[in-house]
Amino acid sequence: MVSLKVNGTAHTVDVDDDTPLLWVIRDNLGLTGTKFGCGVAQCGACTVFIDGQPLRSCVTPVSSVGASEITTIEGLAGKEADAVQAAWTARDVPQCGYCQSGQVMSAIALLKENRKPSDRDIDLAMNGNICRCATYVRIRAAIHDAARALEI
């Protein structure tokens, strides 16, 4: 049995200690917004926050999170989340949408650390988030829009 806290709720799940956090989130907790993409932490689709920091859940053993606060796309809240989600919608960022939960999580993490990111800052922060539809230009523009919205 493993105990963990996801989106503010305590859970106990009966899984092996080395089960990837991604599968616990999706299969045991039914939170399917976090996606499986590559399984080797290269695409970013499985990004969640562990104590506020973005982490690839596909390679994170559930036993390693301990009492940490895990936040998935379903649990997002706050001004950065609101600004990013509004910008994503206004810019019509997603096409297939598969990578978007990881893209959004990484964008929010960036804006929590850097309220005025340059293109280079965005490129570095979003590196490793693969978009098969290649909406990178719209993603960057949406992040700039969200940063401007946070200034107001």
Protein backbone atom coordinates (compact mmCIF):
# COMPACT_ATOMS: atom_id res chain seq x y z
CA MET A 1 0.00 0.00 0.00
CA VAL A 2 1.23 3.44 -0.93
CA SER A 3 -0.17 6.71 0.43
CA LEU A 4 -0.01 9.88 -1.60
CA LYS A 5 -1.67 13.28 -1.85
CA VAL A 6 -2.99 14.28 -5.28
CA ASN A 7 -4.75 17.57 -5.95
CA GLY A 8 -5.24 18.10 -2.24
CA THR A 9 -6.80 14.70 -1.55
CA ALA A 10 -5.12 11.86 0.34
CA HIS A 11 -5.21 8.46 -1.35
CA THR A 12 -4.00 4.99 -0.47
CA VAL A 13 -3.41 2.64 -3.39
CA ASP A 14 -2.45 -1.00 -3.52
CA VAL A 15 0.43 -0.98 -6.02
CA ASP A 16 4.06 -2.05 -6.13
CA ASP A 17 6.50 0.59 -4.89
CA ASP A 18 8.17 0.80 -8.30
CA THR A 19 4.92 1.47 -10.20
CA PRO A 20 5.32 4.69 -12.20
CA LEU A 21 3.36 7.58 -10.70
CA LEU A 22 1.72 8.12 -14.11
CA TRP A 23 -0.07 4.77 -13.94
CA VAL A 24 -1.23 5.35 -10.38
CA ILE A 25 -2.64 8.74 -11.39
CA ARG A 26 -4.36 7.39 -14.49
CA ASP A 27 -5.32 3.82 -13.63
CA ASN A 28 -5.84 3.89 -9.88
CA LEU A 29 -7.11 7.44 -9.38
CA GLY A 30 -8.87 7.88 -12.74
CA LEU A 31 -7.24 11.23 -13.50
CA THR A 32 -6.64 10.85 -17.22
CA GLY A 33 -5.54 14.39 -18.07
CA THR A 34 -1.91 13.40 -17.54
CA LYS A 35 -0.90 11.49 -20.67
CA PHE A 36 1.49 8.68 -21.56
CA GLY A 37 3.65 9.63 -24.49
CA CYS A 38 7.05 7.99 -24.55
CA GLY A 39 7.66 6.30 -21.19
CA VAL A 40 11.24 7.60 -20.97
CA ALA A 41 10.69 11.23 -19.82
CA GLN A 42 11.48 12.71 -23.23
CA CYS A 43 8.14 14.06 -24.50
CA GLY A 44 6.63 15.88 -21.50
CA ALA A 45 3.06 14.57 -21.88
CA CYS A 46 3.19 13.07 -18.37
CA THR A 47 4.32 16.24 -16.56
CA VAL A 48 2.84 16.83 -13.11
CA PHE A 49 3.90 19.08 -10.23
CA ILE A 50 5.59 17.53 -7.22
CA ASP A 51 5.65 20.17 -4.49
CA GLY A 52 5.19 22.79 -7.21
CA GLN A 53 8.01 21.60 -9.47
CA PRO A 54 7.39 19.98 -12.86
CA LEU A 55 8.35 16.32 -12.98
CA ARG A 56 7.89 13.52 -15.52
CA SER A 57 5.57 11.03 -13.89
CA CYS A 58 6.23 8.20 -16.37
CA VAL A 59 9.65 7.50 -14.81
CA THR A 60 8.89 8.45 -11.21
CA PRO A 61 8.29 5.47 -8.92
CA VAL A 62 5.24 6.11 -6.77
CA SER A 63 7.25 5.24 -3.67
CA SER A 64 9.58 8.20 -4.30
CA VAL A 65 6.94 10.89 -3.83
CA GLY A 66 6.28 10.19 -0.15
CA ALA A 67 4.28 12.97 1.48
CA SER A 68 4.83 15.39 -1.39
CA GLU A 69 1.92 17.31 -2.86
CA ILE A 70 1.18 16.08 -6.38
CA THR A 71 -0.77 18.34 -8.72
CA THR A 72 -2.13 17.13 -12.03
CA ILE A 73 -3.73 19.14 -14.82
CA GLU A 74 -7.10 18.49 -13.16
CA GLY A 75 -5.93 20.16 -9.95
CA LEU A 76 -4.56 23.38 -11.40
CA ALA A 77 -5.65 26.59 -9.75
CA GLY A 78 -4.32 30.09 -9.30
CA LYS A 79 -3.53 33.16 -11.34
CA GLU A 80 -0.81 31.53 -13.46
CA ALA A 81 -3.09 28.61 -14.32
CA ASP A 82 -5.94 30.94 -15.19
CA ALA A 83 -3.69 33.12 -17.37
CA VAL A 84 -2.17 30.16 -19.24
CA GLN A 85 -5.51 28.45 -19.81
CA ALA A 86 -7.07 31.69 -21.11
CA ALA A 87 -4.10 32.34 -23.41
CA TRP A 88 -4.19 28.75 -24.70
CA THR A 89 -7.86 29.17 -25.59
CA ALA A 90 -7.44 32.63 -27.13
CA ARG A 91 -4.51 31.48 -29.28
CA ASP A 92 -6.24 28.19 -30.17
CA VAL A 93 -3.04 26.39 -29.24
CA PRO A 94 -4.10 22.72 -29.24
CA GLN A 95 -4.68 20.76 -32.39
CA CYS A 96 -4.81 17.10 -31.38
CA GLY A 97 -4.38 18.16 -27.74
CA TYR A 98 -2.43 15.11 -26.64
CA CYS A 99 0.64 16.98 -25.38
CA GLN A 100 -1.23 19.93 -24.00
CA SER A 101 -1.48 18.92 -20.35
CA GLY A 102 2.31 18.68 -20.18
CA GLN A 103 2.74 21.90 -22.16
CA VAL A 104 0.36 23.77 -19.83
CA MET A 105 2.04 22.40 -16.70
CA SER A 106 5.48 23.46 -17.97
CA ALA A 107 4.23 26.91 -19.00
CA ILE A 108 2.71 27.49 -15.56
CA ALA A 109 5.93 26.39 -13.86
CA LEU A 110 7.86 28.87 -16.02
CA LEU A 111 5.55 31.77 -15.22
CA LYS A 112 5.71 31.06 -11.50
CA GLU A 113 9.48 31.50 -11.71
CA ASN A 114 9.74 34.15 -14.44
CA ARG A 115 6.95 36.67 -15.03
CA LYS A 116 8.62 38.20 -18.10
CA PRO A 117 10.18 35.34 -20.04
CA SER A 118 12.08 36.00 -23.25
CA ASP A 119 11.73 33.70 -26.24
CA ARG A 120 14.92 32.00 -25.09
CA ASP A 121 13.54 31.54 -21.57
CA ILE A 122 10.40 29.98 -23.02
CA ASP A 123 12.35 27.72 -25.35
CA LEU A 124 14.53 26.49 -22.47
CA ALA A 125 11.59 25.94 -20.12
CA MET A 126 9.52 24.15 -22.75
CA ASN A 127 12.42 22.05 -24.06
CA GLY A 128 11.47 18.41 -23.90
CA ASN A 129 7.76 19.06 -24.38
CA ILE A 130 7.13 17.58 -27.78
CA CYS A 131 4.13 18.68 -29.82
CA ARG A 132 3.48 16.32 -32.71
CA CYS A 133 1.27 18.96 -34.34
CA ALA A 134 4.12 21.52 -34.12
CA THR A 135 2.16 24.35 -32.52
CA TYR A 136 5.33 25.71 -30.95
CA VAL A 137 4.85 29.23 -32.35
CA ARG A 138 1.35 29.44 -30.83
CA ILE A 139 2.61 27.95 -27.55
CA ARG A 140 5.30 30.62 -27.29
CA ALA A 141 2.84 33.38 -28.19
CA ALA A 142 0.35 32.11 -25.61
CA ILE A 143 3.02 32.10 -22.91
CA HIS A 144 3.86 35.72 -23.75
CA ASP A 145 0.14 36.56 -23.62
CA ALA A 146 -0.22 34.86 -20.24
CA ALA A 147 2.82 36.75 -18.92
CA ARG A 148 1.28 40.06 -20.03
CA ALA A 149 -2.04 39.11 -18.39
CA LEU A 150 -0.22 38.46 -15.12
CA GLU A 151 1.17 42.03 -15.17
CA ILE A 152 -2.34 43.50 -14.93
